[in-house]
Amino acid sequence: MIMRAVAVPSRFGLRFLWIPFALIGSAGLCFGQENIRDLEAKLRANPNDETALMELGRIYHDRAAQGDGEMVEKAFECFNRVLSIDSLNAVALAYRGSLWTYRAHDAWWPPSKLNYLRQSGRDLDKAVEIEPYNVMVRLMRGINNLGLPERFGRLEVALEDFIVLLRHPDFSRQTPQLKATIYYYGGVAYKRADDYDTARQLLQKAISTLPGSDFAKRAQKELDEMDS
């Protein structure tokens, strides 16, 4: 199974982790207002069209990740509706888990931030429990966990996710963009775990898989920091 990769930011503490949208969108497609209108029309005709809800939710999610705060609640609405139809839809749960991190980022009251982060973790963990070998689910949880402050103790979980992804039987069939994503963030995870040899190997693979890309530049920066 070849998975579609999307933007999955995690932005807490002093660091921000972003997947560049143009690099890893499905076949490099950018979803414009026309796509949104078409999907919204489908849902007016059939509010329980699960396929349309998932695709529209993905678009809203990616727009939210680009900084459009109004898209957060729209994305929540889509994924909540999907989960009311199918409570075991692991991908919808993972997207909703990612959306909780946006709410946490925008909340000003610390207890609210903490509550949203905990809800994010619950949704992402449940998604992995339902589909432990789903590439998208593991990737979203891994990156979101990397974005959390160290005191949350989620680095080990992120490492588990990237180990599963790197050993996944479908990994060799993924696009170069998705492979570079996994190599890069896997390298970051191992670097934070102080396993510099593995981190170097993965970051070098990110560079060789997608040379000249934003991921390659960021991977080189990580390597330079380790060698400085």
N, C-alpha and C. Protein backbone atom coordinates (compact mmCIF):
# COMPACT_ATOMS: atom_id res chain seq x y z
N MET A 1 0.83 -1.18 0.00
CA MET A 1 0.00 0.00 0.00
C MET A 1 0.87 1.25 0.00
N ILE A 2 0.67 2.15 -0.94
CA ILE A 2 1.42 3.40 -1.01
C ILE A 2 0.57 4.49 -0.38
N MET A 3 1.12 5.13 0.63
CA MET A 3 0.36 6.09 1.40
C MET A 3 0.54 7.50 0.88
N ARG A 4 -0.49 8.32 1.07
CA ARG A 4 -0.41 9.74 0.76
C ARG A 4 0.13 10.46 1.98
N ALA A 5 1.18 11.23 1.79
CA ALA A 5 1.74 11.99 2.90
C ALA A 5 1.19 13.40 2.91
N VAL A 6 1.01 13.95 4.11
CA VAL A 6 0.44 15.28 4.25
C VAL A 6 1.22 16.07 5.27
N ALA A 7 0.82 17.32 5.42
CA ALA A 7 1.49 18.18 6.39
C ALA A 7 1.08 17.79 7.79
N VAL A 8 2.05 17.58 8.64
CA VAL A 8 1.77 17.21 10.02
C VAL A 8 2.67 18.01 10.94
N PRO A 9 2.31 19.24 11.29
CA PRO A 9 3.19 20.02 12.12
C PRO A 9 3.01 19.70 13.59
N SER A 10 4.06 19.87 14.35
CA SER A 10 3.99 19.83 15.80
C SER A 10 4.76 21.04 16.28
N ARG A 11 4.16 21.87 17.11
CA ARG A 11 4.78 23.15 17.38
C ARG A 11 4.66 23.55 18.85
N PHE A 12 5.48 22.97 19.68
CA PHE A 12 5.43 23.27 21.09
C PHE A 12 6.83 23.52 21.62
N GLY A 13 6.89 24.09 22.83
CA GLY A 13 8.19 24.46 23.36
C GLY A 13 8.80 25.52 22.47
N LEU A 14 10.09 25.39 22.19
CA LEU A 14 10.79 26.39 21.39
C LEU A 14 11.03 25.94 19.97
N ARG A 15 10.60 24.73 19.64
CA ARG A 15 10.90 24.24 18.30
C ARG A 15 9.61 23.94 17.53
N PHE A 16 9.72 24.05 16.23
CA PHE A 16 8.59 23.80 15.36
C PHE A 16 9.01 22.77 14.33
N LEU A 17 8.22 21.71 14.19
CA LEU A 17 8.53 20.67 13.21
C LEU A 17 7.47 20.71 12.13
N TRP A 18 7.92 20.87 10.90
CA TRP A 18 6.97 20.97 9.79
C TRP A 18 7.35 20.01 8.67
N ILE A 19 6.35 19.44 8.05
CA ILE A 19 6.56 18.72 6.80
C ILE A 19 6.21 19.68 5.68
N PRO A 20 7.14 20.00 4.79
CA PRO A 20 6.83 20.92 3.70
C PRO A 20 5.73 20.37 2.80
N PHE A 21 4.68 21.12 2.61
CA PHE A 21 3.51 20.67 1.86
C PHE A 21 3.83 20.37 0.40
N ALA A 22 4.52 21.27 -0.24
CA ALA A 22 4.76 21.10 -1.68
C ALA A 22 5.60 19.87 -1.96
N LEU A 23 6.41 19.48 -0.98
CA LEU A 23 7.31 18.35 -1.21
C LEU A 23 6.62 17.02 -1.17
N ILE A 24 5.68 16.85 -0.26
CA ILE A 24 5.17 15.50 -0.06
C ILE A 24 3.68 15.36 -0.26
N GLY A 25 3.03 16.35 -0.85
CA GLY A 25 1.63 16.18 -1.19
C GLY A 25 1.48 15.11 -2.24
N SER A 26 0.29 14.55 -2.31
CA SER A 26 0.04 13.46 -3.24
C SER A 26 0.28 13.93 -4.66
N ALA A 27 1.35 13.39 -5.28
CA ALA A 27 1.71 13.74 -6.66
C ALA A 27 1.94 15.23 -6.83
N GLY A 28 2.28 15.91 -5.71
CA GLY A 28 2.58 17.34 -5.79
C GLY A 28 1.36 18.20 -6.03
N LEU A 29 0.15 17.69 -5.75
CA LEU A 29 -1.06 18.43 -6.02
C LEU A 29 -1.29 19.50 -4.96
N CYS A 30 -1.79 20.63 -5.37
CA CYS A 30 -2.23 21.66 -4.44
C CYS A 30 -3.75 21.75 -4.55
N PHE A 31 -4.43 21.65 -3.43
CA PHE A 31 -5.88 21.65 -3.46
C PHE A 31 -6.39 23.06 -3.32
N GLY A 32 -7.07 23.55 -4.35
CA GLY A 32 -7.56 24.91 -4.36
C GLY A 32 -9.00 25.01 -3.92
N GLN A 33 -9.52 26.22 -4.02
CA GLN A 33 -10.89 26.47 -3.59
C GLN A 33 -11.89 25.65 -4.39
N GLU A 34 -11.57 25.36 -5.65
CA GLU A 34 -12.48 24.58 -6.48
C GLU A 34 -12.66 23.17 -5.91
N ASN A 35 -11.56 22.56 -5.45
CA ASN A 35 -11.65 21.24 -4.84
C ASN A 35 -12.53 21.27 -3.60
N ILE A 36 -12.36 22.31 -2.79
CA ILE A 36 -13.15 22.44 -1.58
C ILE A 36 -14.62 22.58 -1.93
N ARG A 37 -14.94 23.40 -2.91
CA ARG A 37 -16.34 23.60 -3.30
C ARG A 37 -16.96 22.30 -3.80
N ASP A 38 -16.21 21.54 -4.58
CA ASP A 38 -16.73 20.28 -5.10
C ASP A 38 -17.04 19.30 -3.97
N LEU A 39 -16.12 19.21 -3.01
CA LEU A 39 -16.31 18.28 -1.89
C LEU A 39 -17.46 18.75 -0.98
N GLU A 40 -17.55 20.06 -0.77
CA GLU A 40 -18.64 20.58 0.05
C GLU A 40 -19.99 20.32 -0.62
N ALA A 41 -20.03 20.40 -1.96
CA ALA A 41 -21.27 20.11 -2.68
C ALA A 41 -21.65 18.64 -2.52
N LYS A 42 -20.66 17.75 -2.58
CA LYS A 42 -20.92 16.32 -2.37
C LYS A 42 -21.51 16.08 -0.99
N LEU A 43 -21.02 16.79 -0.01
CA LEU A 43 -21.49 16.58 1.36
C LEU A 43 -22.86 17.19 1.59
N ARG A 44 -23.20 18.22 0.85
CA ARG A 44 -24.57 18.73 0.95
C ARG A 44 -25.56 17.70 0.42
N ALA A 45 -25.14 17.00 -0.64
CA ALA A 45 -26.00 15.96 -1.20
C ALA A 45 -26.03 14.71 -0.33
N ASN A 46 -24.90 14.40 0.29
CA ASN A 46 -24.81 13.22 1.14
C ASN A 46 -23.88 13.54 2.31
N PRO A 47 -24.43 14.01 3.44
CA PRO A 47 -23.60 14.42 4.58
C PRO A 47 -22.74 13.30 5.16
N ASN A 48 -23.07 12.06 4.83
CA ASN A 48 -22.31 10.92 5.37
C ASN A 48 -21.40 10.28 4.34
N ASP A 49 -21.03 11.03 3.31
CA ASP A 49 -20.08 10.52 2.32
C ASP A 49 -18.70 10.49 2.98
N GLU A 50 -18.30 9.31 3.44
CA GLU A 50 -17.08 9.19 4.24
C GLU A 50 -15.84 9.57 3.44
N THR A 51 -15.82 9.21 2.16
CA THR A 51 -14.66 9.53 1.32
C THR A 51 -14.51 11.04 1.18
N ALA A 52 -15.61 11.73 0.92
CA ALA A 52 -15.57 13.19 0.78
C ALA A 52 -15.20 13.86 2.10
N LEU A 53 -15.72 13.34 3.20
CA LEU A 53 -15.38 13.89 4.51
C LEU A 53 -13.90 13.76 4.80
N MET A 54 -13.32 12.60 4.48
CA MET A 54 -11.90 12.39 4.73
C MET A 54 -11.05 13.33 3.88
N GLU A 55 -11.38 13.44 2.60
CA GLU A 55 -10.57 14.28 1.72
C GLU A 55 -10.70 15.76 2.08
N LEU A 56 -11.91 16.19 2.39
CA LEU A 56 -12.10 17.59 2.78
C LEU A 56 -11.41 17.86 4.11
N GLY A 57 -11.51 16.91 5.03
CA GLY A 57 -10.82 17.07 6.31
C GLY A 57 -9.32 17.19 6.13
N ARG A 58 -8.75 16.39 5.22
CA ARG A 58 -7.31 16.47 4.94
C ARG A 58 -6.93 17.85 4.40
N ILE A 59 -7.74 18.36 3.49
CA ILE A 59 -7.45 19.68 2.91
C ILE A 59 -7.51 20.75 4.00
N TYR A 60 -8.58 20.71 4.81
CA TYR A 60 -8.71 21.68 5.90
C TYR A 60 -7.52 21.56 6.86
N HIS A 61 -7.14 20.32 7.18
CA HIS A 61 -6.01 20.09 8.08
C HIS A 61 -4.73 20.72 7.53
N ASP A 62 -4.48 20.50 6.24
CA ASP A 62 -3.25 21.03 5.64
C ASP A 62 -3.29 22.55 5.56
N ARG A 63 -4.47 23.12 5.32
CA ARG A 63 -4.60 24.58 5.33
C ARG A 63 -4.34 25.12 6.75
N ALA A 64 -4.85 24.42 7.75
CA ALA A 64 -4.62 24.82 9.13
C ALA A 64 -3.12 24.78 9.45
N ALA A 65 -2.44 23.75 8.94
CA ALA A 65 -1.01 23.63 9.19
C ALA A 65 -0.22 24.75 8.54
N GLN A 66 -0.79 25.34 7.51
CA GLN A 66 -0.13 26.47 6.85
C GLN A 66 -0.45 27.78 7.53
N GLY A 67 -1.22 27.73 8.63
CA GLY A 67 -1.47 28.93 9.40
C GLY A 67 -2.88 29.48 9.32
N ASP A 68 -3.78 28.82 8.61
CA ASP A 68 -5.16 29.29 8.50
C ASP A 68 -5.95 28.74 9.68
N GLY A 69 -6.06 29.51 10.75
CA GLY A 69 -6.70 29.06 11.97
C GLY A 69 -8.16 28.71 11.81
N GLU A 70 -8.84 29.32 10.85
CA GLU A 70 -10.26 29.04 10.66
C GLU A 70 -10.50 27.61 10.18
N MET A 71 -9.47 26.98 9.62
CA MET A 71 -9.62 25.64 9.09
C MET A 71 -9.61 24.56 10.17
N VAL A 72 -9.11 24.91 11.37
CA VAL A 72 -9.00 23.92 12.43
C VAL A 72 -10.37 23.35 12.78
N GLU A 73 -11.33 24.22 13.06
CA GLU A 73 -12.65 23.74 13.46
C GLU A 73 -13.36 23.04 12.31
N LYS A 74 -13.14 23.50 11.09
CA LYS A 74 -13.74 22.82 9.95
C LYS A 74 -13.19 21.41 9.80
N ALA A 75 -11.90 21.27 10.02
CA ALA A 75 -11.29 19.94 9.94
C ALA A 75 -11.83 19.05 11.06
N PHE A 76 -11.93 19.60 12.26
CA PHE A 76 -12.50 18.84 13.38
C PHE A 76 -13.89 18.33 13.02
N GLU A 77 -14.69 19.19 12.43
CA GLU A 77 -16.06 18.81 12.08
C GLU A 77 -16.06 17.61 11.13
N CYS A 78 -15.18 17.63 10.14
CA CYS A 78 -15.11 16.53 9.17
C CYS A 78 -14.72 15.22 9.85
N PHE A 79 -13.65 15.25 10.63
CA PHE A 79 -13.15 14.01 11.23
C PHE A 79 -14.06 13.52 12.34
N ASN A 80 -14.70 14.44 13.08
CA ASN A 80 -15.67 14.00 14.07
C ASN A 80 -16.85 13.30 13.42
N ARG A 81 -17.26 13.79 12.26
CA ARG A 81 -18.37 13.15 11.56
C ARG A 81 -17.97 11.77 11.05
N VAL A 82 -16.75 11.68 10.51
CA VAL A 82 -16.25 10.36 10.07
C VAL A 82 -16.26 9.39 11.23
N LEU A 83 -15.78 9.83 12.39
CA LEU A 83 -15.68 8.94 13.55
C LEU A 83 -17.04 8.61 14.13
N SER A 84 -18.05 9.45 13.88
CA SER A 84 -19.40 9.10 14.31
C SER A 84 -19.98 8.00 13.41
N ILE A 85 -19.47 7.92 12.18
CA ILE A 85 -19.88 6.87 11.24
C ILE A 85 -19.09 5.59 11.50
N ASP A 86 -17.79 5.76 11.69
CA ASP A 86 -16.89 4.62 11.90
C ASP A 86 -15.89 4.99 12.99
N SER A 87 -16.18 4.58 14.20
CA SER A 87 -15.33 4.96 15.34
C SER A 87 -13.96 4.32 15.30
N LEU A 88 -13.75 3.35 14.40
CA LEU A 88 -12.45 2.66 14.30
C LEU A 88 -11.66 3.11 13.08
N ASN A 89 -12.00 4.27 12.52
CA ASN A 89 -11.24 4.81 11.40
C ASN A 89 -9.94 5.41 11.95
N ALA A 90 -8.86 4.64 11.85
CA ALA A 90 -7.59 5.02 12.47
C ALA A 90 -7.01 6.29 11.87
N VAL A 91 -7.14 6.46 10.57
CA VAL A 91 -6.57 7.65 9.93
C VAL A 91 -7.31 8.91 10.38
N ALA A 92 -8.63 8.84 10.47
CA ALA A 92 -9.39 9.99 10.97
C ALA A 92 -8.99 10.31 12.40
N LEU A 93 -8.79 9.28 13.21
CA LEU A 93 -8.35 9.51 14.59
C LEU A 93 -6.98 10.19 14.64
N ALA A 94 -6.08 9.76 13.76
CA ALA A 94 -4.75 10.34 13.73
C ALA A 94 -4.80 11.81 13.32
N TYR A 95 -5.62 12.11 12.31
CA TYR A 95 -5.76 13.51 11.91
C TYR A 95 -6.35 14.34 13.05
N ARG A 96 -7.36 13.79 13.71
CA ARG A 96 -7.95 14.54 14.83
C ARG A 96 -6.93 14.73 15.94
N GLY A 97 -6.10 13.70 16.17
CA GLY A 97 -5.03 13.84 17.15
C GLY A 97 -4.09 14.98 16.81
N SER A 98 -3.78 15.12 15.54
CA SER A 98 -2.92 16.23 15.10
C SER A 98 -3.62 17.57 15.32
N LEU A 99 -4.92 17.61 15.06
CA LEU A 99 -5.66 18.86 15.22
C LEU A 99 -5.70 19.34 16.67
N TRP A 100 -5.72 18.41 17.62
CA TRP A 100 -5.68 18.83 19.03
C TRP A 100 -4.42 19.63 19.32
N THR A 101 -3.33 19.32 18.63
CA THR A 101 -2.10 20.08 18.88
C THR A 101 -2.24 21.52 18.41
N TYR A 102 -3.05 21.76 17.36
CA TYR A 102 -3.29 23.13 16.93
C TYR A 102 -4.07 23.89 17.99
N ARG A 103 -5.07 23.22 18.55
CA ARG A 103 -5.84 23.86 19.62
C ARG A 103 -4.93 24.18 20.80
N ALA A 104 -4.05 23.25 21.12
CA ALA A 104 -3.13 23.47 22.24
C ALA A 104 -2.23 24.67 21.97
N HIS A 105 -1.75 24.76 20.74
CA HIS A 105 -0.86 25.87 20.39
C HIS A 105 -1.57 27.21 20.53
N ASP A 106 -2.85 27.26 20.16
CA ASP A 106 -3.59 28.52 20.14
C ASP A 106 -4.20 28.88 21.49
N ALA A 107 -4.31 27.89 22.39
CA ALA A 107 -4.91 28.16 23.70
C ALA A 107 -3.95 28.98 24.57
N TRP A 108 -4.46 29.95 25.30
CA TRP A 108 -3.60 30.78 26.14
C TRP A 108 -3.56 30.27 27.58
N TRP A 109 -4.57 29.49 28.01
CA TRP A 109 -4.66 29.02 29.38
C TRP A 109 -3.90 27.71 29.52
N PRO A 110 -2.81 27.65 30.34
CA PRO A 110 -1.97 26.45 30.43
C PRO A 110 -2.73 25.14 30.68
N PRO A 111 -3.72 25.10 31.60
CA PRO A 111 -4.45 23.83 31.77
C PRO A 111 -5.16 23.38 30.50
N SER A 112 -5.64 24.34 29.70
CA SER A 112 -6.28 23.98 28.45
C SER A 112 -5.28 23.40 27.46
N LYS A 113 -4.10 24.03 27.40
CA LYS A 113 -3.04 23.49 26.54
C LYS A 113 -2.73 22.04 26.90
N LEU A 114 -2.56 21.80 28.20
CA LEU A 114 -2.22 20.45 28.65
C LEU A 114 -3.34 19.46 28.33
N ASN A 115 -4.56 19.87 28.53
CA ASN A 115 -5.70 19.00 28.23
C ASN A 115 -5.74 18.64 26.75
N TYR A 116 -5.52 19.63 25.88
CA TYR A 116 -5.54 19.37 24.44
C TYR A 116 -4.40 18.44 24.03
N LEU A 117 -3.23 18.64 24.63
CA LEU A 117 -2.10 17.76 24.31
C LEU A 117 -2.37 16.33 24.75
N ARG A 118 -2.98 16.17 25.91
CA ARG A 118 -3.32 14.82 26.37
C ARG A 118 -4.34 14.17 25.45
N GLN A 119 -5.31 14.98 24.99
CA GLN A 119 -6.31 14.43 24.07
C GLN A 119 -5.67 14.03 22.74
N SER A 120 -4.70 14.83 22.31
CA SER A 120 -3.96 14.48 21.10
C SER A 120 -3.29 13.13 21.26
N GLY A 121 -2.61 12.95 22.39
CA GLY A 121 -1.93 11.69 22.64
C GLY A 121 -2.89 10.51 22.67
N ARG A 122 -4.06 10.71 23.28
CA ARG A 122 -5.04 9.62 23.36
C ARG A 122 -5.53 9.22 21.97
N ASP A 123 -5.83 10.22 21.14
CA ASP A 123 -6.31 9.91 19.79
C ASP A 123 -5.23 9.22 18.96
N LEU A 124 -4.01 9.73 19.02
CA LEU A 124 -2.92 9.16 18.23
C LEU A 124 -2.58 7.75 18.71
N ASP A 125 -2.56 7.54 20.01
CA ASP A 125 -2.27 6.21 20.54
C ASP A 125 -3.36 5.21 20.16
N LYS A 126 -4.60 5.66 20.21
CA LYS A 126 -5.71 4.77 19.83
C LYS A 126 -5.64 4.42 18.35
N ALA A 127 -5.27 5.42 17.53
CA ALA A 127 -5.15 5.17 16.09
C ALA A 127 -4.10 4.09 15.82
N VAL A 128 -2.97 4.18 16.51
CA VAL A 128 -1.92 3.17 16.34
C VAL A 128 -2.38 1.82 16.86
N GLU A 129 -3.12 1.82 17.95
CA GLU A 129 -3.65 0.56 18.49
C GLU A 129 -4.57 -0.13 17.48
N ILE A 130 -5.37 0.67 16.77
CA ILE A 130 -6.31 0.11 15.80
C ILE A 130 -5.58 -0.39 14.56
N GLU A 131 -4.64 0.41 14.04
CA GLU A 131 -3.90 0.04 12.83
C GLU A 131 -2.41 0.26 13.05
N PRO A 132 -1.76 -0.67 13.73
CA PRO A 132 -0.35 -0.47 14.10
C PRO A 132 0.61 -0.44 12.92
N TYR A 133 0.20 -0.91 11.74
CA TYR A 133 1.10 -0.91 10.59
C TYR A 133 0.66 0.06 9.50
N ASN A 134 -0.22 0.98 9.85
CA ASN A 134 -0.64 2.01 8.91
C ASN A 134 0.45 3.09 8.84
N VAL A 135 1.02 3.27 7.67
CA VAL A 135 2.14 4.20 7.51
C VAL A 135 1.77 5.62 7.93
N MET A 136 0.62 6.10 7.47
CA MET A 136 0.24 7.47 7.79
C MET A 136 0.01 7.66 9.28
N VAL A 137 -0.63 6.70 9.91
CA VAL A 137 -0.91 6.80 11.34
C VAL A 137 0.39 6.86 12.14
N ARG A 138 1.33 5.97 11.83
CA ARG A 138 2.61 5.97 12.54
C ARG A 138 3.38 7.27 12.29
N LEU A 139 3.35 7.75 11.05
CA LEU A 139 4.09 8.96 10.72
C LEU A 139 3.54 10.16 11.48
N MET A 140 2.22 10.28 11.53
CA MET A 140 1.62 11.42 12.21
C MET A 140 1.93 11.38 13.70
N ARG A 141 1.83 10.19 14.31
CA ARG A 141 2.13 10.12 15.73
C ARG A 141 3.61 10.40 15.99
N GLY A 142 4.48 9.84 15.15
CA GLY A 142 5.91 10.03 15.35
C GLY A 142 6.30 11.49 15.30
N ILE A 143 5.81 12.21 14.31
CA ILE A 143 6.19 13.61 14.15
C ILE A 143 5.58 14.47 15.26
N ASN A 144 4.32 14.20 15.59
CA ASN A 144 3.70 14.97 16.67
C ASN A 144 4.44 14.76 17.98
N ASN A 145 4.84 13.53 18.26
CA ASN A 145 5.57 13.28 19.50
C ASN A 145 6.94 13.97 19.51
N LEU A 146 7.58 14.05 18.36
CA LEU A 146 8.86 14.76 18.29
C LEU A 146 8.71 16.24 18.61
N GLY A 147 7.54 16.79 18.35
CA GLY A 147 7.32 18.20 18.59
C GLY A 147 7.00 18.56 20.02
N LEU A 148 6.80 17.53 20.87
CA LEU A 148 6.45 17.80 22.26
C LEU A 148 7.70 18.10 23.10
N PRO A 149 7.55 18.93 24.13
CA PRO A 149 8.68 19.17 25.03
C PRO A 149 9.14 17.86 25.66
N GLU A 150 10.40 17.81 26.02
CA GLU A 150 11.01 16.59 26.55
C GLU A 150 10.31 16.07 27.79
N ARG A 151 9.73 16.98 28.59
CA ARG A 151 9.11 16.56 29.85
C ARG A 151 7.90 15.65 29.64
N PHE A 152 7.36 15.61 28.42
CA PHE A 152 6.23 14.72 28.16
C PHE A 152 6.66 13.26 28.01
N GLY A 153 7.93 13.03 27.84
CA GLY A 153 8.44 11.67 27.78
C GLY A 153 7.96 10.85 26.60
N ARG A 154 7.79 11.49 25.45
CA ARG A 154 7.25 10.78 24.28
C ARG A 154 8.30 10.44 23.23
N LEU A 155 9.56 10.70 23.52
CA LEU A 155 10.60 10.40 22.53
C LEU A 155 10.67 8.91 22.24
N GLU A 156 10.56 8.08 23.26
CA GLU A 156 10.62 6.63 23.06
C GLU A 156 9.49 6.16 22.15
N VAL A 157 8.32 6.76 22.29
CA VAL A 157 7.18 6.41 21.43
C VAL A 157 7.47 6.82 19.99
N ALA A 158 8.04 8.01 19.82
CA ALA A 158 8.40 8.47 18.48
C ALA A 158 9.42 7.52 17.84
N LEU A 159 10.41 7.11 18.60
CA LEU A 159 11.41 6.17 18.08
C LEU A 159 10.75 4.86 17.64
N GLU A 160 9.81 4.37 18.44
CA GLU A 160 9.10 3.14 18.07
C GLU A 160 8.40 3.32 16.72
N ASP A 161 7.76 4.49 16.55
CA ASP A 161 7.04 4.74 15.29
C ASP A 161 7.99 4.73 14.10
N PHE A 162 9.13 5.36 14.23
CA PHE A 162 10.05 5.41 13.09
C PHE A 162 10.74 4.07 12.84
N ILE A 163 10.94 3.28 13.88
CA ILE A 163 11.46 1.93 13.68
C ILE A 163 10.47 1.10 12.87
N VAL A 164 9.19 1.20 13.23
CA VAL A 164 8.15 0.48 12.48
C VAL A 164 8.11 0.95 11.03
N LEU A 165 8.18 2.25 10.82
CA LEU A 165 8.12 2.80 9.47
C LEU A 165 9.31 2.35 8.62
N LEU A 166 10.49 2.40 9.20
CA LEU A 166 11.70 2.03 8.45
C LEU A 166 11.75 0.55 8.12
N ARG A 167 11.11 -0.27 8.95
CA ARG A 167 11.08 -1.71 8.72
C ARG A 167 9.81 -2.18 8.02
N HIS A 168 8.96 -1.24 7.68
CA HIS A 168 7.65 -1.58 7.10
C HIS A 168 7.84 -2.30 5.76
N PRO A 169 7.10 -3.38 5.52
CA PRO A 169 7.27 -4.12 4.26
C PRO A 169 6.97 -3.31 3.02
N ASP A 170 6.19 -2.24 3.15
CA ASP A 170 5.86 -1.41 1.99
C ASP A 170 6.79 -0.21 1.86
N PHE A 171 7.78 -0.08 2.72
CA PHE A 171 8.62 1.11 2.72
C PHE A 171 9.31 1.32 1.36
N SER A 172 9.82 0.26 0.77
CA SER A 172 10.56 0.39 -0.49
C SER A 172 9.69 0.89 -1.63
N ARG A 173 8.39 0.76 -1.50
CA ARG A 173 7.47 1.15 -2.57
C ARG A 173 6.95 2.58 -2.42
N GLN A 174 7.33 3.25 -1.34
CA GLN A 174 6.85 4.61 -1.11
C GLN A 174 7.57 5.60 -2.02
N THR A 175 6.99 6.78 -2.16
CA THR A 175 7.58 7.82 -3.00
C THR A 175 8.88 8.33 -2.37
N PRO A 176 9.78 8.88 -3.17
CA PRO A 176 10.99 9.47 -2.60
C PRO A 176 10.69 10.54 -1.55
N GLN A 177 9.61 11.31 -1.79
CA GLN A 177 9.25 12.36 -0.83
C GLN A 177 8.90 11.77 0.54
N LEU A 178 8.11 10.70 0.53
CA LEU A 178 7.73 10.09 1.80
C LEU A 178 8.91 9.39 2.46
N LYS A 179 9.74 8.74 1.66
CA LYS A 179 10.94 8.10 2.22
C LYS A 179 11.84 9.15 2.87
N ALA A 180 12.05 10.27 2.19
CA ALA A 180 12.90 11.32 2.75
C ALA A 180 12.30 11.87 4.04
N THR A 181 10.97 11.98 4.09
CA THR A 181 10.30 12.44 5.31
C THR A 181 10.63 11.52 6.47
N ILE A 182 10.49 10.22 6.23
CA ILE A 182 10.72 9.24 7.30
C ILE A 182 12.19 9.20 7.69
N TYR A 183 13.08 9.24 6.70
CA TYR A 183 14.51 9.26 7.02
C TYR A 183 14.86 10.49 7.85
N TYR A 184 14.37 11.64 7.43
CA TYR A 184 14.73 12.88 8.12
C TYR A 184 14.24 12.88 9.56
N TYR A 185 12.93 12.65 9.75
CA TYR A 185 12.40 12.71 11.11
C TYR A 185 12.89 11.55 11.96
N GLY A 186 13.13 10.40 11.33
CA GLY A 186 13.75 9.30 12.06
C GLY A 186 15.14 9.69 12.54
N GLY A 187 15.91 10.37 11.67
CA GLY A 187 17.23 10.85 12.06
C GLY A 187 17.17 11.84 13.20
N VAL A 188 16.19 12.73 13.16
CA VAL A 188 16.02 13.70 14.25
C VAL A 188 15.72 12.98 15.56
N ALA A 189 14.85 11.95 15.47
CA ALA A 189 14.49 11.20 16.68
C ALA A 189 15.72 10.51 17.28
N TYR A 190 16.51 9.87 16.44
CA TYR A 190 17.71 9.19 16.96
C TYR A 190 18.74 10.19 17.48
N LYS A 191 18.82 11.34 16.85
CA LYS A 191 19.74 12.37 17.35
C LYS A 191 19.34 12.81 18.75
N ARG A 192 18.05 12.99 18.98
CA ARG A 192 17.59 13.40 20.31
C ARG A 192 17.79 12.30 21.34
N ALA A 193 17.81 11.05 20.85
CA ALA A 193 18.06 9.92 21.75
C ALA A 193 19.56 9.67 21.94
N ASP A 194 20.38 10.55 21.38
CA ASP A 194 21.86 10.47 21.48
C ASP A 194 22.45 9.26 20.79
N ASP A 195 21.71 8.68 19.83
CA ASP A 195 22.26 7.60 18.99
C ASP A 195 22.73 8.26 17.70
N TYR A 196 23.93 8.85 17.76
CA TYR A 196 24.38 9.69 16.66
C TYR A 196 24.77 8.89 15.41
N ASP A 197 25.22 7.67 15.59
CA ASP A 197 25.57 6.85 14.42
C ASP A 197 24.34 6.56 13.57
N THR A 198 23.26 6.12 14.22
CA THR A 198 22.02 5.85 13.48
C THR A 198 21.45 7.14 12.92
N ALA A 199 21.52 8.21 13.69
CA ALA A 199 21.01 9.49 13.22
C ALA A 199 21.73 9.92 11.94
N ARG A 200 23.05 9.79 11.91
CA ARG A 200 23.83 10.16 10.73
C ARG A 200 23.41 9.32 9.52
N GLN A 201 23.26 8.02 9.71
CA GLN A 201 22.88 7.14 8.61
C GLN A 201 21.55 7.56 8.00
N LEU A 202 20.57 7.85 8.87
CA LEU A 202 19.24 8.21 8.37
C LEU A 202 19.25 9.58 7.71
N LEU A 203 19.94 10.53 8.30
CA LEU A 203 19.99 11.87 7.71
C LEU A 203 20.71 11.86 6.37
N GLN A 204 21.75 11.06 6.26
CA GLN A 204 22.45 10.92 4.97
C GLN A 204 21.54 10.28 3.93
N LYS A 205 20.70 9.34 4.35
CA LYS A 205 19.75 8.72 3.43
C LYS A 205 18.69 9.73 2.98
N ALA A 206 18.29 10.62 3.89
CA ALA A 206 17.34 11.66 3.49
C ALA A 206 17.93 12.53 2.39
N ILE A 207 19.22 12.83 2.50
CA ILE A 207 19.90 13.66 1.50
C ILE A 207 20.01 12.92 0.17
N SER A 208 20.43 11.66 0.21
CA SER A 208 20.63 10.90 -1.03
C SER A 208 19.31 10.52 -1.69
N THR A 209 18.25 10.40 -0.90
CA THR A 209 16.94 10.03 -1.46
C THR A 209 16.30 11.18 -2.21
N LEU A 210 16.49 12.40 -1.70
CA LEU A 210 15.87 13.57 -2.32
C LEU A 210 16.89 14.71 -2.37
N PRO A 211 17.97 14.55 -3.14
CA PRO A 211 19.05 15.56 -3.16
C PRO A 211 18.55 16.92 -3.62
N GLY A 212 19.06 17.94 -2.96
CA GLY A 212 18.68 19.31 -3.32
C GLY A 212 17.37 19.77 -2.74
N SER A 213 16.64 18.89 -2.08
CA SER A 213 15.33 19.24 -1.53
C SER A 213 15.47 19.97 -0.20
N ASP A 214 14.34 20.48 0.29
CA ASP A 214 14.32 21.12 1.60
C ASP A 214 14.72 20.11 2.68
N PHE A 215 14.25 18.87 2.53
CA PHE A 215 14.63 17.84 3.49
C PHE A 215 16.14 17.61 3.48
N ALA A 216 16.72 17.59 2.29
CA ALA A 216 18.18 17.38 2.19
C ALA A 216 18.92 18.51 2.89
N LYS A 217 18.46 19.74 2.71
CA LYS A 217 19.12 20.88 3.34
C LYS A 217 18.99 20.82 4.86
N ARG A 218 17.80 20.44 5.32
CA ARG A 218 17.58 20.37 6.76
C ARG A 218 18.37 19.21 7.37
N ALA A 219 18.45 18.11 6.62
CA ALA A 219 19.24 16.97 7.10
C ALA A 219 20.72 17.35 7.20
N GLN A 220 21.21 18.08 6.21
CA GLN A 220 22.61 18.51 6.26
C GLN A 220 22.87 19.43 7.44
N LYS A 221 21.90 20.28 7.75
CA LYS A 221 22.05 21.17 8.90
C LYS A 221 22.14 20.36 10.19
N GLU A 222 21.32 19.31 10.29
CA GLU A 222 21.37 18.45 11.48
C GLU A 222 22.74 17.76 11.58
N LEU A 223 23.25 17.30 10.43
CA LEU A 223 24.56 16.66 10.43
C LEU A 223 25.67 17.64 10.82
N ASP A 224 25.57 18.86 10.30
CA ASP A 224 26.58 19.87 10.63
C ASP A 224 26.58 20.17 12.12
N GLU A 225 25.38 20.21 12.73
CA GLU A 225 25.29 20.49 14.15
C GLU A 225 25.94 19.37 14.97
N MET A 226 25.79 18.12 14.51
CA MET A 226 26.40 17.01 15.24
C MET A 226 27.91 17.03 15.13
N ASP A 227 28.42 17.55 14.02
CA ASP A 227 29.85 17.53 13.76
C ASP A 227 30.57 18.79 14.23
N SER A 228 29.80 19.76 14.70
CA SER A 228 30.42 21.04 15.09
C SER A 228 31.03 20.97 16.48
